[in-house]
């Protein structure tokens, strides 16, 4: 049985909502009565995700599809502008979109390592571009879907794209660490990060051979979107409970350093 408590309808943007935890989160929130802005990397996967949501019983009037390839920051900016124009009030942003770092070192057209951009920089840029809608009404939330893998990571400040020493696991873990640190940034809304559990999604091979269902992971994400759930600002949640994040996450100096680096990296694409 779903643990999501019905509440007043709101508007929520879920990135990476075409499959896995993102799709299940969109299903849960739309089923609760929220308007869900479903992000997809391309039109075809987005149309398919919306069709599956409707087939699962979601009212199509609760859904709005937006498309942006997160390996292109200009598309992130354009999508943010469309969302802000259509929804001047955005109650929740779920930064869920993620990719597995490729076997070989891969740079985007914006000049960033692929997983760093898709998993963190796109979320950082999107959140800042939507600052107006997120702060338009008290109670705005940003939920960063992170990972316990952040505890094994370190930020390579001098070589964030890991061009000198690339490892797909290290690159992925770094992107999750950055996303977790980002939840500590001071903002007019409440930000948190969450490890939804080891779930049977496209990222499963990084963790284990078997995992819980994506729906179970989505329950934990959806709970943090619910205004009935009181959040600890900047906290890292392991499932439903606040848990210790990597010690570096707690360092204010590190938060400032990360945001400065992110500002520099996203500015390259303007």
Foldseek 3Di string as FASTA:
>chain_A
DFPQDQDPAFEEEFAPCLDFLNVLLQLVNLVSPYQYEYEDQDDVSQVVSLVVSVVVPGDSVSYHYDHHNQLALVRLLVRLVVCCVVQQAHQEYELEFFDQQDADFDHGPLGATRRLRRLALSLVVSCVSSQRNQLVDPRHEYEYAAALLLQVEDQPLVCNSCPPHDDRSRNNSNSRVLSLLLQQDDGSYAYHYEHLWQEPDPCNVSPDDHTHHSNSSNSQVSLVSHPVDDDDGSFYYYRNHTDDHHPLSPDPVSSVSSVVVSVVSSVSND
